Protein backbone atom coordinates (compact mmCIF):
# COMPACT_ATOMS: atom_id res chain seq x y z
CA UNK A 1 -98.30 -54.65 63.86
CA UNK A 2 -98.64 -51.43 61.81
CA UNK A 3 -94.86 -51.55 61.00
CA UNK A 4 -95.22 -55.09 59.61
CA UNK A 5 -98.20 -54.07 57.43
CA UNK A 6 -96.24 -51.08 56.06
CA UNK A 7 -93.37 -53.32 55.05
CA UNK A 8 -95.77 -55.65 53.21
CA UNK A 9 -97.48 -52.78 51.37
CA UNK A 10 -94.26 -51.09 50.31
CA UNK A 11 -92.77 -54.28 48.91
CA UNK A 12 -89.26 -55.65 49.39
CA UNK A 13 -87.60 -53.10 47.12
CA UNK A 14 -88.67 -50.27 49.45
CA UNK A 15 -88.09 -51.98 52.76
CA UNK A 16 -86.12 -49.97 55.26
CA UNK A 17 -82.54 -51.19 55.27
CA UNK A 18 -82.94 -53.39 52.14
CA UNK A 19 -79.80 -53.46 49.98
CA UNK A 20 -80.09 -51.96 46.53
CA UNK A 21 -79.42 -54.20 43.52
CA UNK A 22 -76.08 -53.47 41.93
CA UNK A 23 -73.93 -54.44 38.95
CA UNK A 24 -70.46 -55.04 40.31
CA UNK A 25 -67.21 -54.54 38.45
CA UNK A 26 -66.81 -53.50 34.85
CA UNK A 27 -68.10 -55.47 31.91
CA UNK A 28 -64.88 -56.29 30.14
CA UNK A 29 -64.84 -55.84 26.37
CA UNK A 30 -64.50 -58.84 24.09
CA UNK A 31 -62.56 -58.67 20.82
CA UNK A 32 -63.23 -61.35 18.23
CA UNK A 33 -63.01 -62.06 14.52
CA UNK A 34 -65.97 -62.50 12.24
CA UNK A 35 -67.89 -65.81 12.54
CA UNK A 36 -66.48 -66.41 16.03
CA UNK A 37 -68.54 -66.27 19.26
CA UNK A 38 -68.51 -63.24 21.59
CA UNK A 39 -69.02 -63.19 25.37
CA UNK A 40 -69.91 -60.37 27.80
CA UNK A 41 -70.31 -60.95 31.57
CA UNK A 42 -72.60 -58.93 33.83
CA UNK A 43 -72.34 -59.72 37.56
CA UNK A 44 -75.21 -58.69 39.83
CA UNK A 45 -75.70 -58.61 43.63
CA UNK A 46 -78.75 -57.93 45.82
CA UNK A 47 -81.24 -58.71 43.05
CA UNK A 48 -84.67 -58.81 44.65
CA UNK A 49 -88.03 -60.35 43.76
CA UNK A 50 -89.65 -58.85 40.67
CA UNK A 51 -86.38 -57.41 39.45
CA UNK A 52 -85.01 -58.53 36.08
CA UNK A 53 -81.60 -58.46 34.41
CA UNK A 54 -81.84 -57.28 30.82
CA UNK A 55 -79.33 -57.34 27.98
CA UNK A 56 -79.90 -54.66 25.31
CA UNK A 57 -77.87 -53.93 22.19
CA UNK A 58 -77.51 -50.14 21.89
CA UNK A 59 -74.43 -49.56 19.66
CA UNK A 60 -74.30 -48.37 16.05
CA UNK A 61 -78.05 -47.68 15.55
CA UNK A 62 -77.41 -46.59 11.96
CA UNK A 63 -76.21 -50.13 11.18
CA UNK A 64 -78.03 -52.26 13.74
CA UNK A 65 -81.18 -51.00 15.56
CA UNK A 66 -81.50 -51.14 19.35
CA UNK A 67 -82.39 -54.71 20.23
CA UNK A 68 -83.83 -56.09 23.49
CA UNK A 69 -82.12 -59.44 23.76
CA UNK A 70 -82.98 -61.14 27.03
CA UNK A 71 -84.70 -61.06 30.41
CA UNK A 72 -82.85 -62.95 33.13
CA UNK A 73 -81.97 -66.31 31.53
CA UNK A 74 -84.52 -66.14 28.70
CA UNK A 75 -83.75 -64.83 25.19
CA UNK A 76 -86.66 -63.14 23.45
CA UNK A 77 -88.48 -65.12 20.79
CA UNK A 78 -87.11 -65.02 17.25
CA UNK A 79 -83.46 -64.40 18.11
CA UNK A 80 -82.59 -67.53 20.10
CA UNK A 81 -80.33 -68.82 17.30
CA UNK A 82 -78.18 -65.69 17.57
CA UNK A 83 -78.05 -65.16 21.33
CA UNK A 84 -77.87 -67.18 24.52
CA UNK A 85 -77.70 -66.37 28.23
CA UNK A 86 -75.64 -68.51 30.57
CA UNK A 87 -76.23 -67.92 34.30
CA UNK A 88 -73.86 -68.85 37.11
CA UNK A 89 -74.68 -68.26 40.78
CA UNK A 90 -72.88 -68.36 44.11
CA UNK A 91 -73.91 -67.25 47.58
CA UNK A 92 -73.37 -63.52 46.99
CA UNK A 93 -73.68 -62.82 43.25
CA UNK A 94 -75.10 -63.97 39.96
CA UNK A 95 -73.39 -63.61 36.58
CA UNK A 96 -75.40 -63.30 33.38
CA UNK A 97 -73.15 -64.08 30.43
CA UNK A 98 -74.38 -62.88 27.05
CA UNK A 99 -73.35 -65.19 24.20
CA UNK A 100 -73.41 -63.80 20.63
CA UNK A 101 -72.92 -66.44 17.96
CA UNK A 102 -71.52 -66.23 14.41
CA UNK A 103 -70.28 -62.67 14.77
CA UNK A 104 -70.65 -60.21 11.95
CA UNK A 105 -69.63 -56.57 11.64
CA UNK A 106 -73.14 -55.43 12.61
CA UNK A 107 -72.83 -57.26 15.95
CA UNK A 108 -70.03 -54.96 17.07
CA UNK A 109 -70.84 -52.12 19.45
CA UNK A 110 -72.18 -51.48 22.95
CA UNK A 111 -74.41 -53.80 24.95
CA UNK A 112 -76.14 -52.58 28.13
CA UNK A 113 -76.71 -54.82 31.12
CA UNK A 114 -79.68 -53.33 33.05
CA UNK A 115 -81.45 -54.27 36.28
CA UNK A 116 -85.14 -53.38 35.91
CA UNK A 117 -86.76 -52.35 39.18
CA UNK A 118 -90.56 -52.08 39.25
CA UNK A 119 -91.83 -48.76 40.54
CA UNK A 120 -88.51 -46.97 39.94
CA UNK A 121 -87.87 -44.50 37.12
CA UNK A 122 -86.07 -46.53 34.42
CA UNK A 123 -83.47 -43.77 34.07
CA UNK A 124 -82.37 -44.77 37.58
CA UNK A 125 -82.12 -48.50 36.87
CA UNK A 126 -78.58 -49.81 37.48
CA UNK A 127 -76.86 -49.99 34.07
CA UNK A 128 -73.40 -50.87 32.81
CA UNK A 129 -72.10 -51.12 29.25
CA UNK A 130 -69.93 -53.79 27.65
CA UNK A 131 -68.35 -53.46 24.23
CA UNK A 132 -68.07 -56.21 21.66
CA UNK A 133 -65.44 -55.51 18.99
CA UNK A 134 -65.73 -57.57 15.82
CA UNK A 135 -62.58 -57.45 13.72
CA UNK A 136 -63.37 -57.33 10.03
CA UNK A 137 -60.78 -57.83 7.26
CA UNK A 138 -60.44 -54.87 4.88
CA UNK A 139 -62.72 -54.52 1.91
CA UNK A 140 -62.12 -51.95 -0.82
CA UNK A 141 -65.21 -50.07 -1.94
CA UNK A 142 -66.26 -51.49 -5.32
CA UNK A 143 -67.52 -49.70 -8.39
CA UNK A 144 -64.52 -47.51 -9.19
CA UNK A 145 -62.95 -46.96 -12.61
CA UNK A 146 -60.12 -49.43 -13.16
CA UNK A 147 -58.90 -48.39 -16.62
CA UNK A 148 -57.71 -44.97 -17.81
CA UNK A 149 -56.37 -43.69 -21.12
CA UNK A 150 -54.44 -40.43 -20.69
CA UNK A 151 -52.57 -37.98 -22.90
CA UNK A 152 -48.87 -37.33 -22.30
CA UNK A 153 -48.49 -34.41 -19.87
CA UNK A 154 -51.95 -34.84 -18.33
CA UNK A 155 -52.78 -35.22 -14.63
CA UNK A 156 -54.73 -38.02 -12.97
CA UNK A 157 -55.94 -38.62 -9.40
CA UNK A 158 -56.67 -42.16 -8.23
CA UNK A 159 -58.87 -42.67 -5.15
CA UNK A 160 -59.17 -45.81 -3.06
CA UNK A 161 -61.48 -46.27 -0.05
CA UNK A 162 -61.70 -49.30 2.20
CA UNK A 163 -63.71 -50.49 5.18
CA UNK A 164 -62.56 -52.75 7.99
CA UNK A 165 -62.20 -53.05 11.76
CA UNK A 166 -59.74 -51.75 12.79
CA UNK A 167 -59.69 -49.05 10.11
CA UNK A 168 -57.40 -50.24 7.27
CA UNK A 169 -54.15 -48.64 6.19
CA UNK A 170 -54.13 -47.93 2.46
CA UNK A 171 -50.99 -48.05 0.31
CA UNK A 172 -50.45 -47.34 -3.40
CA UNK A 173 -47.65 -48.97 -5.39
CA UNK A 174 -46.84 -49.97 -8.96
CA UNK A 175 -47.50 -53.54 -9.98
CA UNK A 176 -44.09 -53.77 -11.67
CA UNK A 177 -42.40 -52.52 -8.45
CA UNK A 178 -40.91 -49.53 -10.24
CA UNK A 179 -40.71 -46.08 -8.68
CA UNK A 180 -43.90 -44.03 -8.63
CA UNK A 181 -44.03 -40.98 -10.93
CA UNK A 182 -43.93 -38.64 -7.91
CA UNK A 183 -41.01 -40.48 -6.30
CA UNK A 184 -40.77 -43.36 -3.86
CA UNK A 185 -41.92 -46.91 -4.31
CA UNK A 186 -45.13 -46.61 -2.31
CA UNK A 187 -47.35 -43.92 -0.84
CA UNK A 188 -49.62 -44.11 2.20
CA UNK A 189 -53.21 -42.90 1.94
CA UNK A 190 -56.22 -43.41 -0.27
CA UNK A 191 -55.35 -40.74 -2.86
CA UNK A 192 -52.61 -41.01 -5.46
CA UNK A 193 -51.96 -37.83 -7.46
CA UNK A 194 -50.17 -38.36 -10.78
CA UNK A 195 -48.86 -35.22 -12.45
CA UNK A 196 -47.47 -34.66 -15.95
CA UNK A 197 -47.86 -38.28 -17.03
CA UNK A 198 -45.20 -39.66 -19.38
CA UNK A 199 -44.96 -42.86 -21.42
CA UNK A 200 -42.98 -44.63 -18.67
CA UNK A 201 -45.82 -43.96 -16.19
CA UNK A 202 -48.06 -46.42 -18.02
CA UNK A 203 -48.89 -49.73 -16.41
CA UNK A 204 -50.77 -51.13 -13.42
CA UNK A 205 -51.10 -49.32 -10.09
CA UNK A 206 -52.31 -51.26 -7.06
CA UNK A 207 -54.14 -50.05 -3.96
CA UNK A 208 -53.62 -52.38 -0.97
CA UNK A 209 -55.76 -52.19 2.19
CA UNK A 210 -54.44 -53.88 5.36
CA UNK A 211 -55.50 -53.85 9.01
CA UNK A 212 -53.79 -56.91 10.44
CA UNK A 213 -56.86 -59.10 9.81
CA UNK A 214 -56.37 -61.50 6.93
CA UNK A 215 -56.89 -61.43 4.09
CA UNK A 216 -55.86 -57.94 2.93
CA UNK A 217 -57.71 -56.53 -0.06
CA UNK A 218 -56.31 -54.99 -3.24
CA UNK A 219 -57.56 -53.17 -6.31
CA UNK A 220 -55.69 -52.66 -9.57
CA UNK A 221 -55.90 -49.71 -11.96
CA UNK A 222 -54.51 -49.89 -15.49
CA UNK A 223 -53.20 -46.66 -17.01
CA UNK A 224 -52.44 -46.26 -20.71
CA UNK A 225 -50.65 -43.15 -21.96
CA UNK A 226 -51.23 -42.12 -25.58
CA UNK A 227 -47.83 -41.63 -27.21
CA UNK A 228 -46.08 -41.99 -30.59
CA UNK A 229 -43.93 -45.08 -31.28
CA UNK A 230 -40.32 -45.47 -30.24
CA UNK A 231 -38.31 -48.14 -32.10
CA UNK A 232 -35.11 -49.49 -30.57
CA UNK A 233 -32.79 -52.15 -32.05
CA UNK A 234 -31.66 -55.03 -29.86
CA UNK A 235 -28.51 -55.19 -32.06
CA UNK A 236 -28.22 -52.60 -34.80
CA UNK A 237 -25.36 -54.31 -36.70
CA UNK A 238 -25.74 -57.99 -37.59
CA UNK A 239 -23.32 -60.14 -39.60
CA UNK A 240 -23.84 -63.42 -41.45
CA UNK A 241 -22.07 -65.51 -44.10
CA UNK A 242 -23.74 -65.91 -47.51
CA UNK A 243 -24.84 -68.84 -49.67
CA UNK A 244 -24.51 -71.44 -46.89
CA UNK A 245 -28.14 -71.76 -45.70
CA UNK A 246 -27.47 -69.47 -42.72
CA UNK A 247 -30.13 -67.08 -41.42
CA UNK A 248 -29.87 -63.57 -39.96
CA UNK A 249 -32.27 -62.15 -37.37
CA UNK A 250 -32.98 -58.45 -36.77
CA UNK A 251 -34.99 -57.55 -33.64
CA UNK A 252 -36.69 -54.24 -32.98
CA UNK A 253 -38.38 -53.20 -29.68
CA UNK A 254 -41.43 -51.04 -30.43
CA UNK A 255 -43.20 -49.01 -27.72
CA UNK A 256 -46.28 -46.86 -28.20
CA UNK A 257 -50.00 -46.52 -27.49
CA UNK A 258 -52.24 -47.35 -29.20
CA UNK A 259 -50.13 -50.31 -30.24
CA UNK A 260 -48.27 -49.31 -33.42
CA UNK A 261 -48.40 -51.18 -36.68
CA UNK A 262 -44.89 -52.24 -37.71
CA UNK A 263 -43.41 -52.62 -41.17
CA UNK A 264 -39.95 -53.64 -42.33
CA UNK A 265 -38.16 -51.96 -45.25
CA UNK A 266 -34.82 -52.35 -47.04
CA UNK A 267 -32.68 -50.07 -49.19
CA UNK A 268 -32.95 -51.24 -52.80
CA UNK A 269 -30.41 -50.96 -55.63
CA UNK A 270 -32.21 -47.96 -57.15
CA UNK A 271 -31.82 -45.95 -53.94
CA UNK A 272 -35.42 -46.35 -52.81
CA UNK A 273 -36.75 -48.31 -49.85
CA UNK A 274 -38.63 -51.47 -50.62
CA UNK A 275 -41.40 -52.81 -48.36
CA UNK A 276 -40.60 -56.31 -47.12
CA UNK A 277 -43.34 -58.93 -47.29
CA UNK A 278 -43.73 -62.08 -45.22
CA UNK A 279 -42.67 -64.91 -47.55
CA UNK A 280 -40.26 -67.83 -47.87
CA UNK A 281 -37.24 -65.53 -47.75
CA UNK A 282 -38.40 -63.15 -45.01
CA UNK A 283 -40.25 -64.14 -41.85
CA UNK A 284 -41.72 -61.51 -39.54
CA UNK A 285 -42.73 -62.36 -35.95
CA UNK A 286 -43.60 -60.50 -32.75
CA UNK A 287 -43.91 -61.31 -29.08
CA UNK A 288 -44.58 -59.54 -25.78
CA UNK A 289 -41.63 -59.42 -23.42
CA UNK A 290 -43.61 -58.58 -20.27
CA UNK A 291 -47.18 -58.82 -19.00
CA UNK A 292 -46.61 -55.53 -17.19
CA UNK A 293 -45.93 -53.63 -20.44
CA UNK A 294 -48.35 -54.73 -23.11
CA UNK A 295 -47.41 -51.70 -25.23
CA UNK A 296 -43.81 -52.98 -25.54
CA UNK A 297 -43.60 -55.50 -28.37
CA UNK A 298 -40.51 -57.20 -29.82
CA UNK A 299 -40.68 -57.46 -33.60
CA UNK A 300 -38.21 -59.69 -35.46
CA UNK A 301 -37.29 -60.02 -39.11
CA UNK A 302 -35.53 -63.25 -40.07
CA UNK A 303 -33.68 -63.31 -43.39
CA UNK A 304 -33.58 -66.95 -44.49
CA UNK A 305 -30.53 -68.34 -46.39
CA UNK A 306 -28.65 -65.05 -46.58
CA UNK A 307 -27.48 -64.10 -50.08
CA UNK A 308 -25.18 -61.33 -51.29
CA UNK A 309 -28.20 -59.23 -52.30
CA UNK A 310 -29.46 -59.24 -48.69
CA UNK A 311 -26.62 -57.13 -47.31
CA UNK A 312 -27.36 -53.48 -46.62
CA UNK A 313 -29.67 -51.21 -44.60
CA UNK A 314 -32.95 -52.37 -43.06
CA UNK A 315 -35.57 -50.25 -41.32
CA UNK A 316 -38.09 -51.09 -38.57
CA UNK A 317 -40.93 -48.55 -38.77
CA UNK A 318 -43.74 -48.19 -36.19
CA UNK A 319 -46.82 -46.03 -36.71
CA UNK A 320 -49.92 -45.05 -34.76
CA UNK A 321 -52.21 -42.03 -34.86
CA UNK A 322 -49.86 -40.04 -32.63
CA UNK A 323 -46.80 -40.37 -34.84
CA UNK A 324 -44.08 -42.56 -36.29
CA UNK A 325 -40.87 -44.09 -35.01
CA UNK A 326 -38.02 -45.75 -36.91
CA UNK A 327 -34.71 -47.48 -36.31
CA UNK A 328 -31.99 -48.72 -38.69
CA UNK A 329 -30.14 -52.04 -38.97
CA UNK A 330 -27.09 -53.01 -41.01
CA UNK A 331 -26.67 -56.56 -42.28
CA UNK A 332 -23.07 -57.23 -43.38
CA UNK A 333 -21.09 -60.18 -44.70
CA UNK A 334 -18.91 -62.39 -42.52
CA UNK A 335 -16.70 -65.30 -43.45
CA UNK A 336 -18.18 -67.69 -40.89
CA UNK A 337 -21.63 -68.40 -39.53
CA UNK A 338 -22.82 -66.02 -36.80
CA UNK A 339 -25.35 -66.76 -34.05
CA UNK A 340 -26.36 -69.43 -31.59
CA UNK A 341 -27.73 -71.84 -34.22
CA UNK A 342 -24.52 -72.19 -36.24
CA UNK A 343 -23.32 -75.78 -36.83
CA UNK A 344 -20.36 -76.95 -34.79
CA UNK A 345 -17.26 -78.58 -36.27
CA UNK A 346 -16.19 -81.74 -34.44
CA UNK A 347 -12.55 -82.68 -34.52
CA UNK A 348 -11.17 -86.16 -34.73
CA UNK A 349 -11.21 -88.17 -31.54
């Protein structure tokens, strides 16, 4: 009789020969993308009266505080829309599946499955940890400078940082696919060091962050290099017949930053150079050849209805505050019309 009373007083968890509650097997990790649903399974045996199975979020406290989620099959008030517990039982064991809906980065981390045992030091409660990994596409840290103006010969360091799960790989390349100033067509890592910048180093540089989770992220930096103009003729010698309503076109490629102002001049009979004005006889136009190189502009001078007095030397002159550039053209007489817009002569059928 005394033995029976002792058993009743001690309670079932302290009965002689009673099996201890136990979490069996490992809690397998779950790897999911953002906005999906995550699942962690905790399987328990020998759970006695008064004992509870708890799910507790314990990972990444600097991002997401420790959160008590559930007790047995009940989710604590206020978080039922985020979490659920699904319980399955058989003769020997019970599985408590934690369901985490609409996953976000802050949901990633460690979750403890704990069996609480009244009267026992909580440090001795059976505990196992499951990890929920939430894959996050890369995101480049905003707020960085995206436009630089540099002097020729100067140095510049570009930095690019990105977050994602897994950690993103960062690559630098030029937007126009040309070789980088330091060699190679791309460089791995968040830092791009540009040394002794020259005029051909101008343009857009792109940082790309990738981690296998779409979409990748990118960030573009525009670099302008202050430099004096360079003027280059498309065709330095141009011929055209006179007095037959034919036109001649001279085209000059002008590079420089800030964008140069361009003037056209012609040798005059008195040995001086005369400034050409936009009028019925001369037409001046310009256009950009590439979106990648806004500092490269094609300037054209069209001489309408070429006359004998139009033959001679012409000059394309570009100027900005860093200097001046110039190139020379020669317009000479031919017997027949020159160029793509000349009339064709049709023979008899």
